[in-house]
Amino acid sequence: MSEQLNELKSEYTDKLRRLKLLEAGVDYGEIDTYIKYLSADKSSEIEKQAAELVADIEQKSNFGDAYCDDKKVWNPFKIKGEDEI
């Protein structure tokens, strides 16, 4: 009985983590990538960790986008006088 209860609790916690990640804004296809970063067992703690994780993801993705859009980045492979396509 105890083994079955632990299995149900583990399944419930996993589904709750997936739900909180979805509610926080993670795409459905990326849930398996980010679920390993949630370690809490209580609903409020899981929600807090999911929100912090999404904030970190957004911050890092915004940093990379701004850098890639910068046209004055040095390109060592560009030949002088060659126009960009």
N, C-alpha and C. Protein backbone atom coordinates (compact mmCIF):
# COMPACT_ATOMS: atom_id res chain seq x y z
N MET A 1 0.82 -1.20 0.00
CA MET A 1 0.00 0.00 0.00
C MET A 1 0.87 1.26 0.00
N SER A 2 1.91 1.26 0.79
CA SER A 2 2.79 2.40 0.89
C SER A 2 3.53 2.66 -0.43
N GLU A 3 3.92 1.58 -1.10
CA GLU A 3 4.60 1.70 -2.39
C GLU A 3 3.67 2.33 -3.43
N GLN A 4 2.43 1.92 -3.41
CA GLN A 4 1.45 2.45 -4.36
C GLN A 4 1.17 3.93 -4.06
N LEU A 5 1.14 4.29 -2.82
CA LEU A 5 0.92 5.68 -2.42
C LEU A 5 2.09 6.56 -2.88
N ASN A 6 3.30 6.08 -2.68
CA ASN A 6 4.48 6.83 -3.12
C ASN A 6 4.49 7.00 -4.64
N GLU A 7 4.07 5.98 -5.36
CA GLU A 7 4.02 6.05 -6.83
C GLU A 7 2.99 7.08 -7.28
N LEU A 8 1.84 7.10 -6.64
CA LEU A 8 0.79 8.09 -6.97
C LEU A 8 1.25 9.51 -6.64
N LYS A 9 1.92 9.66 -5.52
CA LYS A 9 2.42 10.98 -5.13
C LYS A 9 3.46 11.47 -6.13
N SER A 10 4.35 10.60 -6.57
CA SER A 10 5.36 10.96 -7.55
C SER A 10 4.72 11.35 -8.88
N GLU A 11 3.73 10.61 -9.31
CA GLU A 11 3.03 10.92 -10.56
C GLU A 11 2.29 12.25 -10.46
N TYR A 12 1.65 12.50 -9.33
CA TYR A 12 0.95 13.76 -9.11
C TYR A 12 1.92 14.95 -9.14
N THR A 13 3.06 14.81 -8.45
CA THR A 13 4.04 15.88 -8.41
C THR A 13 4.59 16.18 -9.80
N ASP A 14 4.85 15.15 -10.60
CA ASP A 14 5.34 15.32 -11.95
C ASP A 14 4.32 16.08 -12.81
N LYS A 15 3.07 15.69 -12.72
CA LYS A 15 2.03 16.37 -13.50
C LYS A 15 1.82 17.80 -13.03
N LEU A 16 1.94 18.05 -11.73
CA LEU A 16 1.81 19.40 -11.20
C LEU A 16 2.95 20.28 -11.69
N ARG A 17 4.15 19.76 -11.73
CA ARG A 17 5.30 20.51 -12.25
C ARG A 17 5.10 20.86 -13.72
N ARG A 18 4.62 19.90 -14.50
CA ARG A 18 4.36 20.16 -15.92
C ARG A 18 3.29 21.24 -16.10
N LEU A 19 2.25 21.17 -15.29
CA LEU A 19 1.18 22.16 -15.37
C LEU A 19 1.68 23.56 -15.01
N LYS A 20 2.47 23.66 -13.96
CA LYS A 20 2.98 24.97 -13.54
C LYS A 20 3.94 25.55 -14.57
N LEU A 21 4.72 24.70 -15.24
CA LEU A 21 5.58 25.19 -16.31
C LEU A 21 4.76 25.72 -17.48
N LEU A 22 3.70 25.01 -17.83
CA LEU A 22 2.82 25.48 -18.90
C LEU A 22 2.17 26.81 -18.53
N GLU A 23 1.69 26.91 -17.32
CA GLU A 23 1.05 28.15 -16.86
C GLU A 23 2.05 29.31 -16.82
N ALA A 24 3.31 29.01 -16.55
CA ALA A 24 4.33 30.06 -16.48
C ALA A 24 4.76 30.53 -17.87
N GLY A 25 4.46 29.75 -18.90
CA GLY A 25 4.76 30.20 -20.26
C GLY A 25 5.74 29.36 -21.04
N VAL A 26 6.09 28.19 -20.55
CA VAL A 26 6.99 27.30 -21.28
C VAL A 26 6.18 26.58 -22.36
N ASP A 27 6.75 26.47 -23.56
CA ASP A 27 6.08 25.75 -24.63
C ASP A 27 5.95 24.28 -24.27
N TYR A 28 4.88 23.65 -24.77
CA TYR A 28 4.61 22.25 -24.45
C TYR A 28 5.77 21.34 -24.85
N GLY A 29 6.38 21.59 -25.99
CA GLY A 29 7.47 20.76 -26.47
C GLY A 29 8.76 20.91 -25.68
N GLU A 30 8.88 21.95 -24.90
CA GLU A 30 10.11 22.20 -24.13
C GLU A 30 9.99 21.82 -22.66
N ILE A 31 8.86 21.29 -22.27
CA ILE A 31 8.64 20.96 -20.85
C ILE A 31 9.65 19.94 -20.35
N ASP A 32 9.91 18.89 -21.15
CA ASP A 32 10.84 17.86 -20.72
C ASP A 32 12.25 18.41 -20.51
N THR A 33 12.59 19.45 -21.24
CA THR A 33 13.91 20.07 -21.10
C THR A 33 14.04 20.79 -19.76
N TYR A 34 12.98 21.47 -19.34
CA TYR A 34 13.06 22.34 -18.17
C TYR A 34 12.52 21.72 -16.88
N ILE A 35 11.80 20.61 -16.95
CA ILE A 35 11.19 20.04 -15.74
C ILE A 35 12.25 19.57 -14.74
N LYS A 36 13.42 19.21 -15.22
CA LYS A 36 14.46 18.73 -14.32
C LYS A 36 14.99 19.82 -13.39
N TYR A 37 14.69 21.08 -13.69
CA TYR A 37 15.17 22.19 -12.86
C TYR A 37 14.22 22.52 -11.71
N LEU A 38 13.08 21.86 -11.66
CA LEU A 38 12.13 22.05 -10.57
C LEU A 38 12.33 20.94 -9.55
N SER A 39 12.59 21.30 -8.31
CA SER A 39 12.87 20.30 -7.29
C SER A 39 11.86 20.31 -6.14
N ALA A 40 11.00 21.29 -6.11
CA ALA A 40 10.05 21.43 -4.99
C ALA A 40 8.94 20.38 -5.07
N ASP A 41 8.29 20.15 -3.94
CA ASP A 41 7.19 19.20 -3.88
C ASP A 41 5.85 19.87 -3.61
N LYS A 42 5.87 21.04 -2.99
CA LYS A 42 4.63 21.74 -2.67
C LYS A 42 4.20 22.63 -3.83
N SER A 43 2.92 22.79 -3.99
CA SER A 43 2.36 23.53 -5.12
C SER A 43 2.87 24.96 -5.19
N SER A 44 2.88 25.66 -4.09
CA SER A 44 3.32 27.06 -4.09
C SER A 44 4.80 27.19 -4.43
N GLU A 45 5.60 26.25 -3.92
CA GLU A 45 7.03 26.27 -4.22
C GLU A 45 7.31 25.94 -5.68
N ILE A 46 6.55 24.99 -6.23
CA ILE A 46 6.70 24.62 -7.64
C ILE A 46 6.35 25.81 -8.52
N GLU A 47 5.27 26.51 -8.17
CA GLU A 47 4.85 27.67 -8.95
C GLU A 47 5.92 28.76 -8.91
N LYS A 48 6.52 28.98 -7.75
CA LYS A 48 7.56 29.99 -7.59
C LYS A 48 8.79 29.63 -8.41
N GLN A 49 9.22 28.37 -8.35
CA GLN A 49 10.38 27.92 -9.11
C GLN A 49 10.13 28.02 -10.62
N ALA A 50 8.92 27.67 -11.05
CA ALA A 50 8.58 27.75 -12.48
C ALA A 50 8.63 29.20 -12.96
N ALA A 51 8.12 30.14 -12.17
CA ALA A 51 8.16 31.55 -12.55
C ALA A 51 9.59 32.06 -12.64
N GLU A 52 10.43 31.67 -11.69
CA GLU A 52 11.84 32.08 -11.71
C GLU A 52 12.57 31.49 -12.91
N LEU A 53 12.26 30.24 -13.23
CA LEU A 53 12.88 29.59 -14.38
C LEU A 53 12.50 30.27 -15.68
N VAL A 54 11.23 30.61 -15.84
CA VAL A 54 10.78 31.29 -17.05
C VAL A 54 11.42 32.68 -17.15
N ALA A 55 11.56 33.36 -16.03
CA ALA A 55 12.22 34.67 -16.05
C ALA A 55 13.68 34.54 -16.50
N ASP A 56 14.37 33.52 -16.02
CA ASP A 56 15.75 33.27 -16.45
C ASP A 56 15.83 32.95 -17.94
N ILE A 57 14.90 32.14 -18.41
CA ILE A 57 14.88 31.75 -19.83
C ILE A 57 14.66 32.99 -20.69
N GLU A 58 13.71 33.82 -20.31
CA GLU A 58 13.42 35.02 -21.10
C GLU A 58 14.59 35.99 -21.08
N GLN A 59 15.24 36.13 -19.95
CA GLN A 59 16.38 37.04 -19.84
C GLN A 59 17.52 36.56 -20.75
N LYS A 60 17.81 35.29 -20.76
CA LYS A 60 18.89 34.76 -21.57
C LYS A 60 18.56 34.82 -23.05
N SER A 61 17.31 34.57 -23.42
CA SER A 61 16.94 34.60 -24.83
C SER A 61 16.94 36.05 -25.35
N ASN A 62 16.57 37.00 -24.53
CA ASN A 62 16.60 38.40 -24.94
C ASN A 62 18.04 38.88 -25.13
N PHE A 63 18.94 38.43 -24.31
CA PHE A 63 20.33 38.83 -24.43
C PHE A 63 20.91 38.34 -25.75
N GLY A 64 20.65 37.11 -26.10
CA GLY A 64 21.17 36.55 -27.35
C GLY A 64 20.57 37.22 -28.56
N ASP A 65 19.29 37.55 -28.54
CA ASP A 65 18.64 38.21 -29.67
C ASP A 65 19.23 39.58 -29.91
N ALA A 66 19.49 40.33 -28.84
CA ALA A 66 20.03 41.68 -28.98
C ALA A 66 21.44 41.62 -29.56
N TYR A 67 22.20 40.65 -29.16
CA TYR A 67 23.56 40.53 -29.65
C TYR A 67 23.59 40.16 -31.14
N CYS A 68 22.73 39.24 -31.56
CA CYS A 68 22.70 38.79 -32.95
C CYS A 68 22.21 39.89 -33.89
N ASP A 69 21.39 40.77 -33.41
CA ASP A 69 20.85 41.84 -34.25
C ASP A 69 21.83 42.99 -34.42
N ASP A 70 22.92 43.00 -33.67
CA ASP A 70 23.89 44.08 -33.77
C ASP A 70 24.67 43.94 -35.07
N LYS A 71 24.58 44.90 -35.95
CA LYS A 71 25.22 44.84 -37.27
C LYS A 71 26.69 45.21 -37.22
N LYS A 72 27.17 45.75 -36.12
CA LYS A 72 28.55 46.19 -36.03
C LYS A 72 29.45 45.15 -35.37
N VAL A 73 29.02 43.92 -35.36
CA VAL A 73 29.83 42.85 -34.79
C VAL A 73 30.91 42.48 -35.79
N TRP A 74 32.12 42.35 -35.33
CA TRP A 74 33.24 42.03 -36.18
C TRP A 74 33.09 40.62 -36.74
N ASN A 75 33.26 40.46 -38.03
CA ASN A 75 33.19 39.16 -38.69
C ASN A 75 34.56 38.89 -39.30
N PRO A 76 35.32 37.95 -38.76
CA PRO A 76 36.67 37.69 -39.26
C PRO A 76 36.70 37.07 -40.66
N PHE A 77 35.58 36.55 -41.13
CA PHE A 77 35.53 35.88 -42.42
C PHE A 77 35.06 36.79 -43.55
N LYS A 78 34.68 38.00 -43.21
CA LYS A 78 34.19 38.93 -44.22
C LYS A 78 35.38 39.55 -44.96
N ILE A 79 35.29 39.56 -46.28
CA ILE A 79 36.34 40.13 -47.10
C ILE A 79 36.05 41.62 -47.25
N LYS A 80 37.11 42.45 -47.17
CA LYS A 80 36.92 43.90 -47.29
C LYS A 80 36.29 44.24 -48.63
N GLY A 81 35.32 45.13 -48.59
CA GLY A 81 34.66 45.58 -49.80
C GLY A 81 33.54 44.68 -50.26
N GLU A 82 33.37 43.56 -49.62
CA GLU A 82 32.30 42.63 -50.01
C GLU A 82 31.00 43.08 -49.37
N ASP A 83 29.96 43.24 -50.16
CA ASP A 83 28.66 43.65 -49.64
C ASP A 83 27.96 42.45 -49.03
N GLU A 84 27.16 42.75 -48.01
CA GLU A 84 26.38 41.68 -47.38
C GLU A 84 25.22 41.31 -48.27
N ILE A 85 24.90 40.06 -48.28
CA ILE A 85 23.81 39.55 -49.11
C ILE A 85 22.50 39.72 -48.40
